[in-house]
Amino acid sequence: MEWGLIHVAAFVMIAIPAWSDNLTAAYEAYDLLMKDDSYKKEYAAMVVPRLAGKIIAQHGYNLGWCGIWSGVVVPLCIVHHNRMAWVMTLVPWLADVGYFCAFDLFKLGGGVAQAQTYIVSIGSILTAASVYEHHNVSHLEFNISIIVPSTLIFFGLLEKAGVTDMLLKCFHHKIKADYDAMAPRTQPWGQSELAASDGQVAPK
């Protein structure tokens, strides 16, 4: 339910300003990034193309319904000992996998946001235990329903230890430090990306 409330709030924070193409307000979800003046100024100065906010608004809407699903549908399934209760937890859990990949790997979210990774995973694990207690569930199914949400906790710990940065580097992906080293983007995407890929600082 806590995860659900946080994500309904995220819907309000992201979808409503994005609907009006106010992406500066929508990107306030980058808690840690917006504390860095160099990034904040770049985002505040960006020229937003017409209708650019609609895809962000769609994302915000999806956060909203996932939040309602997590805060209302899943608890009802648990209370009524629904056989599919654990499956229902996969909606918020998979939504948080997306958050982890896009935010946590690049250290963009604050402490409350990062905590949701562990909260939603533990909630899924406890739901699996509830289903196991009230239904004739095989050991294989129970083990799978424990292992799947535990993987996100595992990768969350790897991120804290800096291991995910090394994994990203192994696959030739940028990490947060690479973005920090780049100059603010003030020209078309292709040119600045080309300069960065050559190891040069993108010209202002």
N, C-alpha and C. Protein backbone atom coordinates (compact mmCIF):
# COMPACT_ATOMS: atom_id res chain seq x y z
N MET A 1 0.83 -1.21 0.00
CA MET A 1 0.00 0.00 0.00
C MET A 1 0.87 1.26 0.00
N GLU A 2 1.98 1.21 0.74
CA GLU A 2 2.88 2.37 0.76
C GLU A 2 3.46 2.61 -0.63
N TRP A 3 3.89 1.54 -1.29
CA TRP A 3 4.41 1.66 -2.66
C TRP A 3 3.35 2.30 -3.55
N GLY A 4 2.10 1.87 -3.37
CA GLY A 4 1.01 2.41 -4.18
C GLY A 4 0.81 3.90 -3.98
N LEU A 5 0.82 4.34 -2.73
CA LEU A 5 0.64 5.77 -2.43
C LEU A 5 1.76 6.61 -3.04
N ILE A 6 2.99 6.12 -2.93
CA ILE A 6 4.14 6.83 -3.49
C ILE A 6 3.98 7.00 -4.99
N HIS A 7 3.46 5.99 -5.66
CA HIS A 7 3.39 6.05 -7.12
C HIS A 7 2.15 6.78 -7.62
N VAL A 8 1.13 6.84 -6.83
CA VAL A 8 0.02 7.74 -7.17
C VAL A 8 0.51 9.19 -7.06
N ALA A 9 1.32 9.46 -6.03
CA ALA A 9 1.92 10.79 -5.89
C ALA A 9 2.85 11.09 -7.07
N ALA A 10 3.56 10.07 -7.55
CA ALA A 10 4.45 10.25 -8.71
C ALA A 10 3.63 10.61 -9.95
N PHE A 11 2.45 10.01 -10.07
CA PHE A 11 1.56 10.35 -11.18
C PHE A 11 1.23 11.84 -11.17
N VAL A 12 0.87 12.34 -9.99
CA VAL A 12 0.54 13.77 -9.86
C VAL A 12 1.75 14.63 -10.19
N MET A 13 2.91 14.21 -9.71
CA MET A 13 4.14 14.99 -9.88
C MET A 13 4.62 15.02 -11.33
N ILE A 14 4.43 13.90 -12.04
CA ILE A 14 5.00 13.78 -13.38
C ILE A 14 3.97 14.01 -14.49
N ALA A 15 2.84 13.31 -14.41
CA ALA A 15 1.89 13.32 -15.53
C ALA A 15 1.22 14.68 -15.72
N ILE A 16 0.84 15.34 -14.62
CA ILE A 16 0.08 16.59 -14.75
C ILE A 16 0.92 17.70 -15.39
N PRO A 17 2.15 17.98 -14.91
CA PRO A 17 2.95 19.00 -15.61
C PRO A 17 3.36 18.58 -17.01
N ALA A 18 3.65 17.28 -17.21
CA ALA A 18 4.08 16.81 -18.53
C ALA A 18 2.96 16.97 -19.56
N TRP A 19 1.72 16.82 -19.12
CA TRP A 19 0.58 16.97 -20.04
C TRP A 19 0.58 18.36 -20.67
N SER A 20 1.06 19.34 -19.92
CA SER A 20 1.14 20.72 -20.43
C SER A 20 2.53 21.05 -20.97
N ASP A 21 3.32 20.02 -21.23
CA ASP A 21 4.69 20.18 -21.74
C ASP A 21 5.61 20.92 -20.78
N ASN A 22 5.26 20.90 -19.49
CA ASN A 22 6.13 21.50 -18.48
C ASN A 22 7.10 20.43 -17.98
N LEU A 23 8.11 20.13 -18.80
CA LEU A 23 9.01 19.03 -18.46
C LEU A 23 9.99 19.40 -17.36
N THR A 24 10.24 20.69 -17.16
CA THR A 24 11.11 21.10 -16.06
C THR A 24 10.54 20.62 -14.74
N ALA A 25 9.22 20.78 -14.56
CA ALA A 25 8.57 20.30 -13.34
C ALA A 25 8.54 18.78 -13.29
N ALA A 26 8.29 18.14 -14.44
CA ALA A 26 8.22 16.68 -14.47
C ALA A 26 9.55 16.05 -14.10
N TYR A 27 10.65 16.67 -14.51
CA TYR A 27 11.97 16.11 -14.24
C TYR A 27 12.44 16.36 -12.81
N GLU A 28 11.62 17.01 -12.00
CA GLU A 28 11.95 17.12 -10.58
C GLU A 28 11.96 15.74 -9.92
N ALA A 29 11.41 14.75 -10.61
CA ALA A 29 11.48 13.37 -10.11
C ALA A 29 12.92 12.88 -10.03
N TYR A 30 13.82 13.53 -10.77
CA TYR A 30 15.25 13.23 -10.65
C TYR A 30 15.77 13.89 -9.36
N ASP A 31 15.38 13.34 -8.22
CA ASP A 31 15.68 13.96 -6.93
C ASP A 31 17.13 14.38 -6.78
N LEU A 32 18.04 13.44 -6.95
CA LEU A 32 19.46 13.72 -6.73
C LEU A 32 20.04 14.58 -7.84
N LEU A 33 19.61 14.35 -9.07
CA LEU A 33 20.15 15.10 -10.20
C LEU A 33 19.82 16.58 -10.09
N MET A 34 18.60 16.88 -9.65
CA MET A 34 18.18 18.28 -9.59
C MET A 34 18.82 19.05 -8.44
N LYS A 35 19.58 18.35 -7.60
CA LYS A 35 20.36 19.03 -6.56
C LYS A 35 21.69 19.54 -7.11
N ASP A 36 22.02 19.09 -8.31
CA ASP A 36 23.26 19.51 -8.97
C ASP A 36 22.93 20.70 -9.87
N ASP A 37 23.50 21.86 -9.55
CA ASP A 37 23.16 23.08 -10.28
C ASP A 37 23.43 22.98 -11.78
N SER A 38 24.50 22.29 -12.16
CA SER A 38 24.83 22.21 -13.58
C SER A 38 23.74 21.48 -14.36
N TYR A 39 23.19 20.42 -13.77
CA TYR A 39 22.09 19.70 -14.41
C TYR A 39 20.80 20.52 -14.34
N LYS A 40 20.53 21.09 -13.18
CA LYS A 40 19.29 21.84 -12.99
C LYS A 40 19.17 22.99 -13.99
N LYS A 41 20.29 23.71 -14.20
CA LYS A 41 20.28 24.82 -15.15
C LYS A 41 20.04 24.32 -16.57
N GLU A 42 20.64 23.18 -16.89
CA GLU A 42 20.48 22.62 -18.24
C GLU A 42 19.03 22.23 -18.50
N TYR A 43 18.41 21.60 -17.52
CA TYR A 43 17.02 21.19 -17.68
C TYR A 43 16.08 22.40 -17.71
N ALA A 44 16.40 23.42 -16.89
CA ALA A 44 15.55 24.61 -16.85
C ALA A 44 15.64 25.39 -18.17
N ALA A 45 16.79 25.31 -18.84
CA ALA A 45 17.00 26.09 -20.06
C ALA A 45 16.58 25.36 -21.33
N MET A 46 16.17 24.10 -21.22
CA MET A 46 15.90 23.33 -22.44
C MET A 46 14.68 23.87 -23.18
N VAL A 47 14.76 23.77 -24.48
CA VAL A 47 13.63 24.14 -25.34
C VAL A 47 12.83 22.86 -25.60
N VAL A 48 11.60 22.84 -25.14
CA VAL A 48 10.79 21.63 -25.25
C VAL A 48 9.96 21.68 -26.53
N PRO A 49 10.11 20.71 -27.43
CA PRO A 49 9.29 20.69 -28.64
C PRO A 49 7.81 20.52 -28.30
N ARG A 50 6.95 20.98 -29.17
CA ARG A 50 5.52 20.82 -28.96
C ARG A 50 5.16 19.34 -28.84
N LEU A 51 4.28 19.04 -27.90
CA LEU A 51 3.77 17.68 -27.64
C LEU A 51 4.81 16.74 -27.03
N ALA A 52 6.00 17.26 -26.71
CA ALA A 52 7.04 16.39 -26.16
C ALA A 52 6.63 15.79 -24.82
N GLY A 53 5.76 16.48 -24.09
CA GLY A 53 5.39 15.99 -22.76
C GLY A 53 4.41 14.83 -22.76
N LYS A 54 3.80 14.53 -23.90
CA LYS A 54 2.74 13.52 -23.90
C LYS A 54 3.27 12.12 -23.56
N ILE A 55 4.45 11.78 -24.05
CA ILE A 55 4.99 10.45 -23.74
C ILE A 55 5.37 10.34 -22.27
N ILE A 56 5.83 11.47 -21.68
CA ILE A 56 6.12 11.48 -20.24
C ILE A 56 4.82 11.40 -19.45
N ALA A 57 3.77 12.07 -19.96
CA ALA A 57 2.46 12.01 -19.30
C ALA A 57 1.92 10.58 -19.32
N GLN A 58 2.16 9.86 -20.41
CA GLN A 58 1.74 8.46 -20.49
C GLN A 58 2.44 7.64 -19.41
N HIS A 59 3.74 7.88 -19.25
CA HIS A 59 4.51 7.18 -18.22
C HIS A 59 3.94 7.50 -16.83
N GLY A 60 3.62 8.78 -16.60
CA GLY A 60 3.04 9.17 -15.32
C GLY A 60 1.70 8.49 -15.06
N TYR A 61 0.88 8.39 -16.11
CA TYR A 61 -0.41 7.69 -15.99
C TYR A 61 -0.18 6.22 -15.61
N ASN A 62 0.81 5.58 -16.24
CA ASN A 62 1.10 4.18 -15.92
C ASN A 62 1.56 4.02 -14.47
N LEU A 63 2.34 4.99 -13.97
CA LEU A 63 2.72 4.96 -12.56
C LEU A 63 1.49 5.04 -11.67
N GLY A 64 0.52 5.87 -12.09
CA GLY A 64 -0.69 6.05 -11.30
C GLY A 64 -1.52 4.78 -11.18
N TRP A 65 -1.77 4.13 -12.32
CA TRP A 65 -2.60 2.92 -12.22
C TRP A 65 -1.85 1.77 -11.56
N CYS A 66 -0.52 1.71 -11.75
CA CYS A 66 0.27 0.70 -11.02
C CYS A 66 0.19 0.95 -9.52
N GLY A 67 0.18 2.23 -9.13
CA GLY A 67 0.06 2.57 -7.72
C GLY A 67 -1.27 2.14 -7.14
N ILE A 68 -2.36 2.38 -7.88
CA ILE A 68 -3.69 1.95 -7.42
C ILE A 68 -3.76 0.43 -7.35
N TRP A 69 -3.17 -0.23 -8.35
CA TRP A 69 -3.13 -1.70 -8.36
C TRP A 69 -2.42 -2.22 -7.10
N SER A 70 -1.28 -1.61 -6.80
CA SER A 70 -0.49 -2.05 -5.65
C SER A 70 -1.17 -1.74 -4.33
N GLY A 71 -1.81 -0.56 -4.26
CA GLY A 71 -2.39 -0.12 -2.99
C GLY A 71 -3.79 -0.63 -2.71
N VAL A 72 -4.49 -1.11 -3.76
CA VAL A 72 -5.88 -1.55 -3.57
C VAL A 72 -6.06 -3.01 -3.99
N VAL A 73 -5.71 -3.34 -5.23
CA VAL A 73 -5.99 -4.68 -5.77
C VAL A 73 -5.19 -5.76 -5.03
N VAL A 74 -3.88 -5.54 -4.88
CA VAL A 74 -3.04 -6.55 -4.22
C VAL A 74 -3.45 -6.78 -2.76
N PRO A 75 -3.65 -5.72 -1.96
CA PRO A 75 -4.09 -5.96 -0.57
C PRO A 75 -5.42 -6.72 -0.49
N LEU A 76 -6.36 -6.43 -1.40
CA LEU A 76 -7.64 -7.16 -1.41
C LEU A 76 -7.40 -8.64 -1.70
N CYS A 77 -6.50 -8.93 -2.64
CA CYS A 77 -6.19 -10.32 -2.96
C CYS A 77 -5.56 -11.03 -1.76
N ILE A 78 -4.72 -10.32 -1.02
CA ILE A 78 -4.07 -10.92 0.16
C ILE A 78 -5.10 -11.18 1.25
N VAL A 79 -5.95 -10.18 1.51
CA VAL A 79 -6.95 -10.31 2.57
C VAL A 79 -7.90 -11.48 2.29
N HIS A 80 -8.26 -11.65 1.02
CA HIS A 80 -9.20 -12.73 0.66
C HIS A 80 -8.49 -14.02 0.26
N HIS A 81 -7.19 -14.11 0.56
CA HIS A 81 -6.41 -15.32 0.29
C HIS A 81 -6.56 -15.80 -1.15
N ASN A 82 -6.49 -14.86 -2.08
CA ASN A 82 -6.60 -15.20 -3.49
C ASN A 82 -5.39 -16.02 -3.94
N ARG A 83 -5.66 -17.07 -4.68
CA ARG A 83 -4.58 -17.96 -5.14
C ARG A 83 -3.58 -17.23 -6.04
N MET A 84 -4.05 -16.19 -6.72
CA MET A 84 -3.19 -15.46 -7.66
C MET A 84 -2.60 -14.19 -7.05
N ALA A 85 -2.64 -14.05 -5.74
CA ALA A 85 -2.18 -12.82 -5.10
C ALA A 85 -0.73 -12.50 -5.45
N TRP A 86 0.14 -13.53 -5.45
CA TRP A 86 1.54 -13.24 -5.77
C TRP A 86 1.70 -12.74 -7.20
N VAL A 87 0.96 -13.34 -8.12
CA VAL A 87 1.02 -12.90 -9.52
C VAL A 87 0.64 -11.43 -9.63
N MET A 88 -0.35 -11.01 -8.82
CA MET A 88 -0.77 -9.61 -8.83
C MET A 88 0.36 -8.67 -8.39
N THR A 89 1.27 -9.16 -7.54
CA THR A 89 2.38 -8.30 -7.09
C THR A 89 3.40 -8.04 -8.20
N LEU A 90 3.33 -8.82 -9.27
CA LEU A 90 4.29 -8.64 -10.35
C LEU A 90 4.10 -7.31 -11.08
N VAL A 91 2.87 -6.76 -11.02
CA VAL A 91 2.64 -5.47 -11.68
C VAL A 91 3.49 -4.37 -11.05
N PRO A 92 3.37 -4.11 -9.73
CA PRO A 92 4.24 -3.08 -9.15
C PRO A 92 5.71 -3.48 -9.15
N TRP A 93 6.00 -4.78 -8.99
CA TRP A 93 7.40 -5.20 -8.96
C TRP A 93 8.08 -4.94 -10.29
N LEU A 94 7.42 -5.30 -11.40
CA LEU A 94 8.01 -5.08 -12.72
C LEU A 94 8.13 -3.58 -13.03
N ALA A 95 7.16 -2.79 -12.54
CA ALA A 95 7.26 -1.34 -12.70
C ALA A 95 8.50 -0.82 -11.98
N ASP A 96 8.81 -1.41 -10.84
CA ASP A 96 9.99 -0.97 -10.09
C ASP A 96 11.29 -1.45 -10.72
N VAL A 97 11.24 -2.57 -11.43
CA VAL A 97 12.42 -3.01 -12.19
C VAL A 97 12.78 -1.92 -13.20
N GLY A 98 11.75 -1.37 -13.87
CA GLY A 98 11.99 -0.29 -14.82
C GLY A 98 12.60 0.93 -14.14
N TYR A 99 12.10 1.26 -12.96
CA TYR A 99 12.65 2.40 -12.20
C TYR A 99 14.11 2.14 -11.85
N PHE A 100 14.39 0.93 -11.39
CA PHE A 100 15.76 0.61 -11.00
C PHE A 100 16.72 0.77 -12.18
N CYS A 101 16.31 0.26 -13.35
CA CYS A 101 17.19 0.34 -14.52
C CYS A 101 17.40 1.78 -14.99
N ALA A 102 16.34 2.59 -14.94
CA ALA A 102 16.43 3.95 -15.48
C ALA A 102 16.91 4.98 -14.46
N PHE A 103 16.63 4.75 -13.17
CA PHE A 103 16.96 5.74 -12.14
C PHE A 103 18.11 5.28 -11.24
N ASP A 104 17.92 4.15 -10.58
CA ASP A 104 18.90 3.74 -9.56
C ASP A 104 20.28 3.46 -10.16
N LEU A 105 20.32 2.87 -11.36
CA LEU A 105 21.62 2.58 -11.96
C LEU A 105 22.41 3.85 -12.25
N PHE A 106 21.69 4.99 -12.35
CA PHE A 106 22.37 6.25 -12.66
C PHE A 106 22.27 7.25 -11.51
N LYS A 107 21.87 6.73 -10.33
CA LYS A 107 21.88 7.53 -9.10
C LYS A 107 21.09 8.84 -9.26
N LEU A 108 19.86 8.69 -9.74
CA LEU A 108 19.02 9.86 -10.00
C LEU A 108 17.97 10.08 -8.92
N GLY A 109 17.59 9.04 -8.20
CA GLY A 109 16.52 9.15 -7.21
C GLY A 109 17.04 9.26 -5.80
N GLY A 110 16.25 9.89 -4.93
CA GLY A 110 16.61 10.06 -3.53
C GLY A 110 16.35 8.81 -2.70
N GLY A 111 16.57 8.93 -1.41
CA GLY A 111 16.47 7.78 -0.51
C GLY A 111 15.09 7.15 -0.45
N VAL A 112 14.04 7.96 -0.39
CA VAL A 112 12.67 7.43 -0.32
C VAL A 112 12.36 6.64 -1.58
N ALA A 113 12.75 7.19 -2.73
CA ALA A 113 12.49 6.49 -3.99
C ALA A 113 13.28 5.20 -4.08
N GLN A 114 14.53 5.22 -3.65
CA GLN A 114 15.35 4.02 -3.69
C GLN A 114 14.81 2.93 -2.77
N ALA A 115 14.24 3.34 -1.66
CA ALA A 115 13.70 2.37 -0.69
C ALA A 115 12.56 1.55 -1.29
N GLN A 116 11.86 2.11 -2.28
CA GLN A 116 10.72 1.39 -2.87
C GLN A 116 11.14 0.08 -3.51
N THR A 117 12.37 0.01 -4.01
CA THR A 117 12.89 -1.23 -4.59
C THR A 117 12.82 -2.37 -3.58
N TYR A 118 13.20 -2.08 -2.34
CA TYR A 118 13.21 -3.11 -1.30
C TYR A 118 11.81 -3.34 -0.74
N ILE A 119 11.03 -2.28 -0.64
CA ILE A 119 9.67 -2.39 -0.09
C ILE A 119 8.80 -3.26 -0.99
N VAL A 120 8.81 -2.99 -2.31
CA VAL A 120 7.95 -3.74 -3.22
C VAL A 120 8.42 -5.19 -3.33
N SER A 121 9.74 -5.42 -3.24
CA SER A 121 10.26 -6.79 -3.33
C SER A 121 9.91 -7.59 -2.08
N ILE A 122 10.06 -6.98 -0.91
CA ILE A 122 9.70 -7.66 0.34
C ILE A 122 8.20 -7.93 0.38
N GLY A 123 7.41 -6.96 -0.10
CA GLY A 123 5.96 -7.17 -0.15
C GLY A 123 5.60 -8.36 -1.02
N SER A 124 6.28 -8.52 -2.14
CA SER A 124 6.03 -9.64 -3.03
C SER A 124 6.42 -10.97 -2.37
N ILE A 125 7.55 -10.97 -1.67
CA ILE A 125 8.01 -12.17 -0.96
C ILE A 125 7.01 -12.57 0.13
N LEU A 126 6.54 -11.60 0.90
CA LEU A 126 5.57 -11.90 1.97
C LEU A 126 4.25 -12.38 1.40
N THR A 127 3.86 -11.84 0.24
CA THR A 127 2.64 -12.31 -0.42
C THR A 127 2.79 -13.76 -0.86
N ALA A 128 3.98 -14.10 -1.35
CA ALA A 128 4.25 -15.49 -1.74
C ALA A 128 4.12 -16.42 -0.53
N ALA A 129 4.61 -15.96 0.62
CA ALA A 129 4.49 -16.76 1.84
C ALA A 129 3.03 -16.94 2.24
N SER A 130 2.22 -15.90 2.06
CA SER A 130 0.79 -15.98 2.37
C SER A 130 0.08 -16.98 1.46
N VAL A 131 0.40 -16.93 0.18
CA VAL A 131 -0.22 -17.87 -0.78
C VAL A 131 0.19 -19.30 -0.42
N TYR A 132 1.45 -19.49 -0.08
CA TYR A 132 1.95 -20.81 0.28
C TYR A 132 1.23 -21.35 1.51
N GLU A 133 0.94 -20.45 2.45
CA GLU A 133 0.29 -20.86 3.70
C GLU A 133 -1.17 -21.26 3.48
N HIS A 134 -1.86 -20.61 2.56
CA HIS A 134 -3.30 -20.81 2.41
C HIS A 134 -3.69 -21.69 1.22
N HIS A 135 -2.72 -22.08 0.40
CA HIS A 135 -3.06 -22.87 -0.80
C HIS A 135 -2.06 -24.00 -0.97
N ASN A 136 -2.47 -24.97 -1.77
CA ASN A 136 -1.63 -26.13 -2.04
C ASN A 136 -0.63 -25.75 -3.14
N VAL A 137 0.44 -25.11 -2.73
CA VAL A 137 1.44 -24.60 -3.67
C VAL A 137 2.66 -25.52 -3.64
N SER A 138 3.15 -25.89 -4.82
CA SER A 138 4.33 -26.76 -4.89
C SER A 138 5.56 -26.01 -4.38
N HIS A 139 6.54 -26.79 -3.96
CA HIS A 139 7.79 -26.17 -3.49
C HIS A 139 8.47 -25.40 -4.63
N LEU A 140 8.37 -25.93 -5.84
CA LEU A 140 8.98 -25.26 -6.99
C LEU A 140 8.35 -23.89 -7.21
N GLU A 141 7.02 -23.84 -7.21
CA GLU A 141 6.34 -22.56 -7.40
C GLU A 141 6.69 -21.59 -6.28
N PHE A 142 6.71 -22.08 -5.05
CA PHE A 142 7.03 -21.21 -3.91
C PHE A 142 8.45 -20.66 -4.04
N ASN A 143 9.38 -21.55 -4.41
CA ASN A 143 10.77 -21.10 -4.55
C ASN A 143 10.91 -20.03 -5.63
N ILE A 144 10.21 -20.23 -6.74
CA ILE A 144 10.25 -19.25 -7.83
C ILE A 144 9.69 -17.91 -7.36
N SER A 145 8.57 -17.98 -6.61
CA SER A 145 7.93 -16.74 -6.15
C SER A 145 8.73 -16.02 -5.08
N ILE A 146 9.72 -16.69 -4.50
CA ILE A 146 10.64 -16.04 -3.56
C ILE A 146 11.87 -15.51 -4.30
N ILE A 147 12.38 -16.32 -5.24
CA ILE A 147 13.60 -15.96 -5.95
C ILE A 147 13.39 -14.75 -6.86
N VAL A 148 12.27 -14.71 -7.57
CA VAL A 148 12.05 -13.63 -8.55
C VAL A 148 12.13 -12.24 -7.90
N PRO A 149 11.34 -11.93 -6.85
CA PRO A 149 11.48 -10.60 -6.25
C PRO A 149 12.81 -10.37 -5.55
N SER A 150 13.44 -11.46 -5.10
CA SER A 150 14.74 -11.32 -4.43
C SER A 150 15.83 -10.84 -5.38
N THR A 151 15.66 -11.08 -6.69
CA THR A 151 16.68 -10.65 -7.64
C THR A 151 16.83 -9.13 -7.64
N LEU A 152 15.71 -8.40 -7.45
CA LEU A 152 15.79 -6.94 -7.45
C LEU A 152 16.52 -6.43 -6.20
N ILE A 153 16.28 -7.10 -5.07
CA ILE A 153 17.02 -6.75 -3.85
C ILE A 153 18.51 -7.00 -4.07
N PHE A 154 18.83 -8.13 -4.69
CA PHE A 154 20.22 -8.49 -4.97
C PHE A 154 20.90 -7.43 -5.83
N PHE A 155 20.23 -7.02 -6.92
CA PHE A 155 20.83 -6.02 -7.80
C PHE A 155 20.86 -4.64 -7.13
N GLY A 156 19.91 -4.39 -6.24
CA GLY A 156 19.94 -3.14 -5.48
C GLY A 156 21.19 -3.07 -4.61
N LEU A 157 21.54 -4.20 -4.00
CA LEU A 157 22.76 -4.25 -3.17
C LEU A 157 24.01 -4.14 -4.03
N LEU A 158 23.98 -4.76 -5.21
CA LEU A 158 25.11 -4.64 -6.13
C LEU A 158 25.31 -3.18 -6.56
N GLU A 159 24.20 -2.48 -6.77
CA GLU A 159 24.30 -1.06 -7.15
C GLU A 159 24.95 -0.26 -6.04
N LYS A 160 24.55 -0.52 -4.81
CA LYS A 160 25.14 0.19 -3.67
C LYS A 160 26.63 -0.09 -3.54
N ALA A 161 27.04 -1.29 -3.94
CA ALA A 161 28.45 -1.68 -3.85
C ALA A 161 29.26 -1.21 -5.06
N GLY A 162 28.60 -0.60 -6.05
CA GLY A 162 29.29 -0.12 -7.24
C GLY A 162 29.53 -1.17 -8.30
N VAL A 163 29.00 -2.38 -8.08
CA VAL A 163 29.23 -3.47 -9.03
C VAL A 163 28.48 -3.23 -10.34
N THR A 164 27.28 -2.64 -10.26
CA THR A 164 26.50 -2.43 -11.48
C THR A 164 27.19 -1.45 -12.43
N ASP A 165 27.97 -0.51 -11.88
CA ASP A 165 28.74 0.39 -12.74
C ASP A 165 29.74 -0.41 -13.58
N MET A 166 30.38 -1.38 -12.94
CA MET A 166 31.34 -2.21 -13.67
C MET A 166 30.64 -3.05 -14.74
N LEU A 167 29.44 -3.54 -14.42
CA LEU A 167 28.68 -4.33 -15.39
C LEU A 167 28.28 -3.48 -16.59
N LEU A 168 27.82 -2.25 -16.32
CA LEU A 168 27.46 -1.35 -17.42
C LEU A 168 28.67 -1.08 -18.31
N LYS A 169 29.82 -0.86 -17.69
CA LYS A 169 31.04 -0.60 -18.44
C LYS A 169 31.42 -1.81 -19.31
N CYS A 170 31.21 -3.01 -18.77
CA CYS A 170 31.52 -4.22 -19.53
C CYS A 170 30.72 -4.30 -20.82
N PHE A 171 29.50 -3.76 -20.79
CA PHE A 171 28.63 -3.78 -21.97
C PHE A 171 28.68 -2.45 -22.73
N HIS A 172 29.72 -1.66 -22.44
CA HIS A 172 29.97 -0.40 -23.16
C HIS A 172 28.83 0.61 -23.02
N HIS A 173 28.23 0.65 -21.83
CA HIS A 173 27.20 1.65 -21.53
C HIS A 173 27.80 2.74 -20.65
N LYS A 174 27.26 3.93 -20.78
CA LYS A 174 27.71 5.02 -19.93
C LYS A 174 27.22 4.81 -18.50
N ILE A 175 28.00 5.31 -17.55
CA ILE A 175 27.58 5.35 -16.16
C ILE A 175 27.42 6.82 -15.77
N LYS A 176 26.94 7.06 -14.55
CA LYS A 176 26.69 8.44 -14.12
C LYS A 176 27.94 9.31 -14.25
N ALA A 177 29.10 8.78 -13.92
CA ALA A 177 30.34 9.55 -13.99
C ALA A 177 30.62 10.01 -15.41
N ASP A 178 30.26 9.20 -16.40
CA ASP A 178 30.47 9.59 -17.80
C ASP A 178 29.59 10.78 -18.17
N TYR A 179 28.35 10.75 -17.70
CA TYR A 179 27.45 11.88 -17.97
C TYR A 179 27.93 13.14 -17.25
N ASP A 180 28.43 12.96 -16.03
CA ASP A 180 28.94 14.11 -15.28
C ASP A 180 30.11 14.77 -16.01
N ALA A 181 30.91 13.97 -16.70
CA ALA A 181 32.09 14.49 -17.38
C ALA A 181 31.75 15.21 -18.69
N MET A 182 30.55 15.00 -19.19
CA MET A 182 30.15 15.64 -20.44
C MET A 182 29.75 17.09 -20.18
N ALA A 183 29.97 17.93 -21.18
CA ALA A 183 29.50 19.31 -21.09
C ALA A 183 27.98 19.33 -21.26
N PRO A 184 27.31 20.36 -20.76
CA PRO A 184 25.86 20.46 -20.97
C PRO A 184 25.52 20.39 -22.46
N ARG A 185 24.46 19.71 -22.76
CA ARG A 185 24.07 19.53 -24.17
C ARG A 185 23.36 20.79 -24.66
N THR A 186 23.99 21.46 -25.62
CA THR A 186 23.41 22.69 -26.16
C THR A 186 23.33 22.64 -27.68
N GLN A 187 23.44 21.41 -28.22
CA GLN A 187 23.36 21.25 -29.67
C GLN A 187 22.59 19.98 -29.97
N PRO A 188 22.26 19.73 -31.25
CA PRO A 188 21.48 18.54 -31.59
C PRO A 188 22.11 17.26 -31.05
N TRP A 189 21.25 16.30 -30.73
CA TRP A 189 21.67 15.06 -30.05
C TRP A 189 22.81 14.36 -30.75
N GLY A 190 22.73 14.16 -32.05
CA GLY A 190 23.72 13.39 -32.77
C GLY A 190 25.12 13.94 -32.64
N GLN A 191 25.28 15.26 -32.72
CA GLN A 191 26.61 15.87 -32.68
C GLN A 191 27.25 15.70 -31.31
N SER A 192 26.49 15.98 -30.24
CA SER A 192 27.07 15.88 -28.90
C SER A 192 27.38 14.43 -28.54
N GLU A 193 26.54 13.48 -29.02
CA GLU A 193 26.80 12.07 -28.75
C GLU A 193 28.06 11.60 -29.47
N LEU A 194 28.25 12.11 -30.69
CA LEU A 194 29.44 11.74 -31.45
C LEU A 194 30.71 12.20 -30.75
N ALA A 195 30.67 13.44 -30.26
CA ALA A 195 31.83 13.97 -29.55
C ALA A 195 32.12 13.17 -28.30
N ALA A 196 31.05 12.81 -27.57
CA ALA A 196 31.23 12.05 -26.32
C ALA A 196 31.78 10.66 -26.60
N SER A 197 31.31 10.05 -27.70
CA SER A 197 31.77 8.69 -28.01
C SER A 197 33.23 8.66 -28.41
N ASP A 198 33.75 9.79 -28.91
CA ASP A 198 35.16 9.90 -29.26
C ASP A 198 36.03 10.27 -28.06
N GLY A 199 35.39 10.40 -26.89
CA GLY A 199 36.13 10.76 -25.70
C GLY A 199 36.41 12.25 -25.61
N GLN A 200 35.73 13.05 -26.43
CA GLN A 200 35.91 14.49 -26.40
C GLN A 200 34.81 15.15 -25.59
N VAL A 201 35.08 16.31 -25.08
CA VAL A 201 34.05 17.07 -24.39
C VAL A 201 33.21 17.79 -25.44
N ALA A 202 31.92 17.64 -25.38
CA ALA A 202 31.05 18.26 -26.36
C ALA A 202 31.17 19.77 -26.28
N PRO A 203 31.36 20.46 -27.42
CA PRO A 203 31.51 21.90 -27.40
C PRO A 203 30.24 22.60 -26.97
N LYS A 204 30.39 23.77 -26.37
CA LYS A 204 29.22 24.54 -25.93
C LYS A 204 28.62 25.30 -27.11
